[in-house]
């Protein structure tokens, strides 16, 4: 089973590093997981190939981070 939160968090950290390396700055990333009602504390897990989810998240975050950095002045980014 795939831990969706951890998979997304790892992809996000990878893309944040790329932002720092190539653009010299990075947006803020917060990954949260929510479980179905009555299952508090359980990370969302499902049968899925983690590599595919990682690829999708990397592409989504690269585009999102770039758009965010293009329109956000440095002083508005958290350090």
PDB file of N, CA and C in Angstrom:
ATOM      1  N   UNK A   1       0.839  -1.188   0.000  1.00  0.00           N
ATOM      2  CA  UNK A   1       0.000   0.000   0.000  1.00  0.00           C
ATOM      3  C   UNK A   1       0.876   1.241   0.000  1.00  0.00           C
ATOM      4  N   UNK A   2       0.371   2.263  -0.607  1.00  0.00           N
ATOM      5  CA  UNK A   2       1.088   3.520  -0.770  1.00  0.00           C
ATOM      6  C   UNK A   2       0.657   4.506   0.321  1.00  0.00           C
ATOM      7  N   UNK A   3       1.617   5.085   1.029  1.00  0.00           N
ATOM      8  CA  UNK A   3       1.343   6.150   1.992  1.00  0.00           C
ATOM      9  C   UNK A   3       1.320   7.454   1.204  1.00  0.00           C
ATOM     10  N   UNK A   4       0.128   7.920   0.886  1.00  0.00           N
ATOM     11  CA  UNK A   4      -0.032   9.082   0.011  1.00  0.00           C
ATOM     12  C   UNK A   4       0.617  10.332   0.581  1.00  0.00           C
ATOM     13  N   UNK A   5       0.494  10.541   1.884  1.00  0.00           N
ATOM     14  CA  UNK A   5       1.058  11.748   2.496  1.00  0.00           C
ATOM     15  C   UNK A   5       2.577  11.739   2.388  1.00  0.00           C
ATOM     16  N   UNK A   6       3.193  10.631   2.737  1.00  0.00           N
ATOM     17  CA  UNK A   6       4.655  10.550   2.684  1.00  0.00           C
ATOM     18  C   UNK A   6       5.164  10.640   1.250  1.00  0.00           C
ATOM     19  N   UNK A   7       4.468  10.034   0.332  1.00  0.00           N
ATOM     20  CA  UNK A   7       4.863  10.103  -1.079  1.00  0.00           C
ATOM     21  C   UNK A   7       4.801  11.546  -1.579  1.00  0.00           C
ATOM     22  N   UNK A   8       3.745  12.262  -1.239  1.00  0.00           N
ATOM     23  CA  UNK A   8       3.600  13.665  -1.654  1.00  0.00           C
ATOM     24  C   UNK A   8       4.620  14.554  -0.952  1.00  0.00           C
ATOM     25  N   UNK A   9       4.863  14.289   0.318  1.00  0.00           N
ATOM     26  CA  UNK A   9       5.844  15.077   1.074  1.00  0.00           C
ATOM     27  C   UNK A   9       7.242  14.917   0.470  1.00  0.00           C
ATOM     28  N   UNK A  10       7.626  13.692   0.139  1.00  0.00           N
ATOM     29  CA  UNK A  10       8.952  13.443  -0.438  1.00  0.00           C
ATOM     30  C   UNK A  10       9.091  14.124  -1.799  1.00  0.00           C
ATOM     31  N   UNK A  11       8.063  14.042  -2.629  1.00  0.00           N
ATOM     32  CA  UNK A  11       8.095  14.711  -3.931  1.00  0.00           C
ATOM     33  C   UNK A  11       8.208  16.218  -3.747  1.00  0.00           C
ATOM     34  N   UNK A  12       7.475  16.751  -2.786  1.00  0.00           N
ATOM     35  CA  UNK A  12       7.524  18.188  -2.512  1.00  0.00           C
ATOM     36  C   UNK A  12       8.895  18.648  -2.059  1.00  0.00           C
ATOM     37  N   UNK A  13       9.529  17.883  -1.180  1.00  0.00           N
ATOM     38  CA  UNK A  13      10.862  18.251  -0.701  1.00  0.00           C
ATOM     39  C   UNK A  13      11.879  18.227  -1.849  1.00  0.00           C
ATOM     40  N   UNK A  14      11.723  17.270  -2.736  1.00  0.00           N
ATOM     41  CA  UNK A  14      12.611  17.188  -3.895  1.00  0.00           C
ATOM     42  C   UNK A  14      12.471  18.424  -4.782  1.00  0.00           C
ATOM     43  N   UNK A  15      11.240  18.843  -5.034  1.00  0.00           N
ATOM     44  CA  UNK A  15      11.014  19.998  -5.905  1.00  0.00           C
ATOM     45  C   UNK A  15      11.395  21.297  -5.197  1.00  0.00           C
ATOM     46  N   UNK A  16      11.220  21.376  -3.887  1.00  0.00           N
ATOM     47  CA  UNK A  16      11.693  22.551  -3.151  1.00  0.00           C
ATOM     48  C   UNK A  16      13.204  22.703  -3.313  1.00  0.00           C
ATOM     49  N   UNK A  17      13.918  21.582  -3.220  1.00  0.00           N
ATOM     50  CA  UNK A  17      15.368  21.619  -3.413  1.00  0.00           C
ATOM     51  C   UNK A  17      15.744  22.103  -4.796  1.00  0.00           C
ATOM     52  N   UNK A  18      14.997  21.666  -5.800  1.00  0.00           N
ATOM     53  CA  UNK A  18      15.255  22.116  -7.169  1.00  0.00           C
ATOM     54  C   UNK A  18      14.996  23.618  -7.295  1.00  0.00           C
ATOM     55  N   UNK A  19      13.961  24.108  -6.642  1.00  0.00           N
ATOM     56  CA  UNK A  19      13.679  25.549  -6.667  1.00  0.00           C
ATOM     57  C   UNK A  19      14.846  26.330  -6.065  1.00  0.00           C
ATOM     58  N   UNK A  20      15.335  25.880  -4.920  1.00  0.00           N
ATOM     59  CA  UNK A  20      16.472  26.555  -4.270  1.00  0.00           C
ATOM     60  C   UNK A  20      17.690  26.545  -5.192  1.00  0.00           C
ATOM     61  N   UNK A  21      17.964  25.380  -5.787  1.00  0.00           N
ATOM     62  CA  UNK A  21      19.158  25.237  -6.619  1.00  0.00           C
ATOM     63  C   UNK A  21      19.094  26.062  -7.899  1.00  0.00           C
ATOM     64  N   UNK A  22      17.941  26.076  -8.562  1.00  0.00           N
ATOM     65  CA  UNK A  22      17.835  26.703  -9.873  1.00  0.00           C
ATOM     66  C   UNK A  22      17.298  28.129  -9.844  1.00  0.00           C
ATOM     67  N   UNK A  23      16.468  28.446  -8.859  1.00  0.00           N
ATOM     68  CA  UNK A  23      15.850  29.772  -8.826  1.00  0.00           C
ATOM     69  C   UNK A  23      16.327  30.618  -7.653  1.00  0.00           C
ATOM     70  N   UNK A  24      17.015  30.002  -6.698  1.00  0.00           N
ATOM     71  CA  UNK A  24      17.544  30.736  -5.554  1.00  0.00           C
ATOM     72  C   UNK A  24      16.524  31.055  -4.479  1.00  0.00           C
ATOM     73  N   UNK A  25      15.329  30.554  -4.605  1.00  0.00           N
ATOM     74  CA  UNK A  25      14.288  30.753  -3.599  1.00  0.00           C
ATOM     75  C   UNK A  25      13.251  29.657  -3.740  1.00  0.00           C
ATOM     76  N   UNK A  26      12.379  29.581  -2.751  1.00  0.00           N
ATOM     77  CA  UNK A  26      11.382  28.518  -2.756  1.00  0.00           C
ATOM     78  C   UNK A  26      10.100  28.986  -2.095  1.00  0.00           C
ATOM     79  N   UNK A  27       8.964  28.432  -2.508  1.00  0.00           N
ATOM     80  CA  UNK A  27       7.699  28.742  -1.837  1.00  0.00           C
ATOM     81  C   UNK A  27       7.580  27.904  -0.567  1.00  0.00           C
ATOM     82  N   UNK A  28       6.531  28.133   0.168  1.00  0.00           N
ATOM     83  CA  UNK A  28       6.241  27.353   1.374  1.00  0.00           C
ATOM     84  C   UNK A  28       5.452  26.113   0.963  1.00  0.00           C
ATOM     85  N   UNK A  29       5.811  24.983   1.536  1.00  0.00           N
ATOM     86  CA  UNK A  29       5.100  23.739   1.255  1.00  0.00           C
ATOM     87  C   UNK A  29       4.589  23.159   2.565  1.00  0.00           C
ATOM     88  N   UNK A  30       3.311  22.831   2.591  1.00  0.00           N
ATOM     89  CA  UNK A  30       2.724  22.153   3.749  1.00  0.00           C
ATOM     90  C   UNK A  30       1.889  20.999   3.207  1.00  0.00           C
ATOM     91  N   UNK A  31       2.223  19.792   3.636  1.00  0.00           N
ATOM     92  CA  UNK A  31       1.491  18.605   3.213  1.00  0.00           C
ATOM     93  C   UNK A  31       0.716  18.083   4.418  1.00  0.00           C
ATOM     94  N   UNK A  32      -0.577  17.960   4.263  1.00  0.00           N
ATOM     95  CA  UNK A  32      -1.428  17.448   5.332  1.00  0.00           C
ATOM     96  C   UNK A  32      -2.217  16.256   4.818  1.00  0.00           C
ATOM     97  N   UNK A  33      -2.471  15.325   5.691  1.00  0.00           N
ATOM     98  CA  UNK A  33      -3.283  14.173   5.331  1.00  0.00           C
ATOM     99  C   UNK A  33      -4.530  14.119   6.186  1.00  0.00           C
ATOM    100  N   UNK A  34      -5.595  13.700   5.604  1.00  0.00           N
ATOM    101  CA  UNK A  34      -6.861  13.590   6.320  1.00  0.00           C
ATOM    102  C   UNK A  34      -7.401  12.185   6.134  1.00  0.00           C
ATOM    103  N   UNK A  35      -7.843  11.601   7.223  1.00  0.00           N
ATOM    104  CA  UNK A  35      -8.379  10.247   7.199  1.00  0.00           C
ATOM    105  C   UNK A  35      -9.900  10.287   7.166  1.00  0.00           C
ATOM    106  N   UNK A  36     -10.502   9.194   6.729  1.00  0.00           N
ATOM    107  CA  UNK A  36     -11.965   9.127   6.740  1.00  0.00           C
ATOM    108  C   UNK A  36     -12.496   9.259   8.170  1.00  0.00           C
ATOM    109  N   UNK A  37     -13.695   9.732   8.266  1.00  0.00           N
ATOM    110  CA  UNK A  37     -14.334   9.889   9.575  1.00  0.00           C
ATOM    111  C   UNK A  37     -14.269   8.574  10.337  1.00  0.00           C
ATOM    112  N   UNK A  38     -13.882   8.665  11.618  1.00  0.00           N
ATOM    113  CA  UNK A  38     -13.796   7.488  12.458  1.00  0.00           C
ATOM    114  C   UNK A  38     -12.458   6.778  12.411  1.00  0.00           C
ATOM    115  N   UNK A  39     -11.543   7.292  11.605  1.00  0.00           N
ATOM    116  CA  UNK A  39     -10.228   6.683  11.488  1.00  0.00           C
ATOM    117  C   UNK A  39      -9.136   7.707  11.780  1.00  0.00           C
ATOM    118  N   UNK A  40      -9.308   8.471  12.837  1.00  0.00           N
ATOM    119  CA  UNK A  40      -8.354   9.528  13.159  1.00  0.00           C
ATOM    120  C   UNK A  40      -6.968   8.945  13.411  1.00  0.00           C
ATOM    121  N   UNK A  41      -5.974   9.683  12.949  1.00  0.00           N
ATOM    122  CA  UNK A  41      -4.594   9.290  13.167  1.00  0.00           C
ATOM    123  C   UNK A  41      -4.039   8.338  12.131  1.00  0.00           C
ATOM    124  N   UNK A  42      -4.866   7.827  11.267  1.00  0.00           N
ATOM    125  CA  UNK A  42      -4.381   6.923  10.235  1.00  0.00           C
ATOM    126  C   UNK A  42      -4.030   7.716   8.979  1.00  0.00           C
ATOM    127  N   UNK A  43      -2.839   7.471   8.463  1.00  0.00           N
ATOM    128  CA  UNK A  43      -2.436   8.140   7.219  1.00  0.00           C
ATOM    129  C   UNK A  43      -3.213   7.535   6.064  1.00  0.00           C
ATOM    130  N   UNK A  44      -3.621   8.356   5.107  1.00  0.00           N
ATOM    131  CA  UNK A  44      -4.312   7.805   3.939  1.00  0.00           C
ATOM    132  C   UNK A  44      -3.403   6.834   3.188  1.00  0.00           C
ATOM    133  N   UNK A  45      -3.897   5.636   2.984  1.00  0.00           N
ATOM    134  CA  UNK A  45      -3.159   4.607   2.249  1.00  0.00           C
ATOM    135  C   UNK A  45      -4.095   3.991   1.227  1.00  0.00           C
ATOM    136  N   UNK A  46      -3.557   3.657   0.106  1.00  0.00           N
ATOM    137  CA  UNK A  46      -4.361   3.010  -0.902  1.00  0.00           C
ATOM    138  C   UNK A  46      -3.457   2.192  -1.798  1.00  0.00           C
ATOM    139  N   UNK A  47      -4.074   1.290  -2.516  1.00  0.00           N
ATOM    140  CA  UNK A  47      -3.316   0.472  -3.440  1.00  0.00           C
ATOM    141  C   UNK A  47      -3.058   1.299  -4.685  1.00  0.00           C
ATOM    142  N   UNK A  48      -1.824   1.654  -4.883  1.00  0.00           N
ATOM    143  CA  UNK A  48      -1.443   2.521  -5.987  1.00  0.00           C
ATOM    144  C   UNK A  48       0.046   2.375  -6.180  1.00  0.00           C
ATOM    145  N   UNK A  49       0.533   2.575  -7.344  1.00  0.00           N
ATOM    146  CA  UNK A  49       1.961   2.475  -7.591  1.00  0.00           C
ATOM    147  C   UNK A  49       2.604   3.800  -7.186  1.00  0.00           C
ATOM    148  N   UNK A  50       3.433   3.794  -6.123  1.00  0.00           N
ATOM    149  CA  UNK A  50       4.013   5.046  -5.627  1.00  0.00           C
ATOM    150  C   UNK A  50       4.774   5.828  -6.691  1.00  0.00           C
ATOM    151  N   UNK A  51       5.418   5.148  -7.623  1.00  0.00           N
ATOM    152  CA  UNK A  51       6.171   5.845  -8.664  1.00  0.00           C
ATOM    153  C   UNK A  51       5.298   6.732  -9.527  1.00  0.00           C
ATOM    154  N   UNK A  52       4.103   6.283  -9.818  1.00  0.00           N
ATOM    155  CA  UNK A  52       3.187   7.082 -10.636  1.00  0.00           C
ATOM    156  C   UNK A  52       2.708   8.302  -9.857  1.00  0.00           C
ATOM    157  N   UNK A  53       2.350   8.110  -8.595  1.00  0.00           N
ATOM    158  CA  UNK A  53       1.927   9.239  -7.760  1.00  0.00           C
ATOM    159  C   UNK A  53       3.071  10.241  -7.612  1.00  0.00           C
ATOM    160  N   UNK A  54       4.279   9.757  -7.415  1.00  0.00           N
ATOM    161  CA  UNK A  54       5.442  10.636  -7.294  1.00  0.00           C
ATOM    162  C   UNK A  54       5.631  11.458  -8.568  1.00  0.00           C
ATOM    163  N   UNK A  55       5.541  10.822  -9.725  1.00  0.00           N
ATOM    164  CA  UNK A  55       5.694  11.525 -10.998  1.00  0.00           C
ATOM    165  C   UNK A  55       4.637  12.622 -11.138  1.00  0.00           C
ATOM    166  N   UNK A  56       3.388  12.287 -10.853  1.00  0.00           N
ATOM    167  CA  UNK A  56       2.294  13.251 -10.963  1.00  0.00           C
ATOM    168  C   UNK A  56       2.528  14.431 -10.018  1.00  0.00           C
ATOM    169  N   UNK A  57       2.901  14.141  -8.778  1.00  0.00           N
ATOM    170  CA  UNK A  57       3.113  15.212  -7.797  1.00  0.00           C
ATOM    171  C   UNK A  57       4.289  16.099  -8.186  1.00  0.00           C
ATOM    172  N   UNK A  58       5.368  15.511  -8.675  1.00  0.00           N
ATOM    173  CA  UNK A  58       6.514  16.323  -9.110  1.00  0.00           C
ATOM    174  C   UNK A  58       6.097  17.312 -10.194  1.00  0.00           C
ATOM    175  N   UNK A  59       5.384  16.830 -11.201  1.00  0.00           N
ATOM    176  CA  UNK A  59       4.975  17.696 -12.302  1.00  0.00           C
ATOM    177  C   UNK A  59       4.021  18.787 -11.818  1.00  0.00           C
ATOM    178  N   UNK A  60       3.066  18.418 -11.004  1.00  0.00           N
ATOM    179  CA  UNK A  60       2.106  19.379 -10.460  1.00  0.00           C
ATOM    180  C   UNK A  60       2.812  20.439  -9.626  1.00  0.00           C
ATOM    181  N   UNK A  61       3.723  20.000  -8.761  1.00  0.00           N
ATOM    182  CA  UNK A  61       4.418  20.944  -7.884  1.00  0.00           C
ATOM    183  C   UNK A  61       5.417  21.817  -8.639  1.00  0.00           C
ATOM    184  N   UNK A  62       6.110  21.267  -9.629  1.00  0.00           N
ATOM    185  CA  UNK A  62       7.024  22.098 -10.430  1.00  0.00           C
ATOM    186  C   UNK A  62       6.266  23.263 -11.055  1.00  0.00           C
ATOM    187  N   UNK A  63       5.132  22.975 -11.656  1.00  0.00           N
ATOM    188  CA  UNK A  63       4.334  24.026 -12.289  1.00  0.00           C
ATOM    189  C   UNK A  63       3.772  25.000 -11.265  1.00  0.00           C
ATOM    190  N   UNK A  64       3.271  24.474 -10.161  1.00  0.00           N
ATOM    191  CA  UNK A  64       2.681  25.326  -9.119  1.00  0.00           C
ATOM    192  C   UNK A  64       3.726  26.208  -8.456  1.00  0.00           C
ATOM    193  N   UNK A  65       4.874  25.618  -8.120  1.00  0.00           N
ATOM    194  CA  UNK A  65       5.931  26.393  -7.467  1.00  0.00           C
ATOM    195  C   UNK A  65       6.443  27.483  -8.398  1.00  0.00           C
ATOM    196  N   UNK A  66       6.639  27.159  -9.660  1.00  0.00           N
ATOM    197  CA  UNK A  66       7.144  28.154 -10.604  1.00  0.00           C
ATOM    198  C   UNK A  66       6.161  29.319 -10.761  1.00  0.00           C
ATOM    199  N   UNK A  67       4.881  28.995 -10.883  1.00  0.00           N
ATOM    200  CA  UNK A  67       3.862  30.046 -10.998  1.00  0.00           C
ATOM    201  C   UNK A  67       3.819  30.896  -9.733  1.00  0.00           C
ATOM    202  N   UNK A  68       3.922  30.258  -8.588  1.00  0.00           N
ATOM    203  CA  UNK A  68       3.913  30.993  -7.313  1.00  0.00           C
ATOM    204  C   UNK A  68       5.109  31.931  -7.229  1.00  0.00           C
ATOM    205  N   UNK A  69       6.285  31.424  -7.572  1.00  0.00           N
ATOM    206  CA  UNK A  69       7.488  32.255  -7.488  1.00  0.00           C
ATOM    207  C   UNK A  69       7.482  33.374  -8.514  1.00  0.00           C
ATOM    208  N   UNK A  70       6.845  33.148  -9.651  1.00  0.00           N
ATOM    209  CA  UNK A  70       6.771  34.192 -10.677  1.00  0.00           C
ATOM    210  C   UNK A  70       5.946  35.393 -10.227  1.00  0.00           C
ATOM    211  N   UNK A  71       4.949  35.170  -9.381  1.00  0.00           N
ATOM    212  CA  UNK A  71       4.066  36.275  -8.990  1.00  0.00           C
ATOM    213  C   UNK A  71       4.261  36.751  -7.546  1.00  0.00           C
ATOM    214  N   UNK A  72       5.126  36.088  -6.772  1.00  0.00           N
ATOM    215  CA  UNK A  72       5.284  36.440  -5.370  1.00  0.00           C
ATOM    216  C   UNK A  72       6.627  37.145  -5.128  1.00  0.00           C
ATOM    217  N   UNK A  73       6.593  38.360  -4.603  1.00  0.00           N
ATOM    218  CA  UNK A  73       7.842  39.044  -4.281  1.00  0.00           C
ATOM    219  C   UNK A  73       8.605  38.291  -3.164  1.00  0.00           C
ATOM    220  N   UNK A  74       9.926  38.429  -3.184  1.00  0.00           N
ATOM    221  CA  UNK A  74      10.760  37.740  -2.186  1.00  0.00           C
ATOM    222  C   UNK A  74      10.327  38.011  -0.760  1.00  0.00           C
ATOM    223  N   UNK A  75       9.970  39.245  -0.468  1.00  0.00           N
ATOM    224  CA  UNK A  75       9.644  39.594   0.924  1.00  0.00           C
ATOM    225  C   UNK A  75       8.359  38.925   1.417  1.00  0.00           C
ATOM    226  N   UNK A  76       7.544  38.409   0.524  1.00  0.00           N
ATOM    227  CA  UNK A  76       6.314  37.728   0.932  1.00  0.00           C
ATOM    228  C   UNK A  76       6.491  36.224   1.142  1.00  0.00           C
ATOM    229  N   UNK A  77       7.652  35.690   0.776  1.00  0.00           N
ATOM    230  CA  UNK A  77       7.925  34.271   0.991  1.00  0.00           C
ATOM    231  C   UNK A  77       8.460  34.065   2.389  1.00  0.00           C
ATOM    232  N   UNK A  78       8.000  33.022   3.058  1.00  0.00           N
ATOM    233  CA  UNK A  78       8.539  32.688   4.378  1.00  0.00           C
ATOM    234  C   UNK A  78       9.957  32.205   4.219  1.00  0.00           C
ATOM    235  N   UNK A  79      10.749  32.504   5.158  1.00  0.00           N
ATOM    236  CA  UNK A  79      12.144  32.042   5.123  1.00  0.00           C
ATOM    237  C   UNK A  79      12.314  30.826   5.985  1.00  0.00           C
TER     238      UNK A  79
END
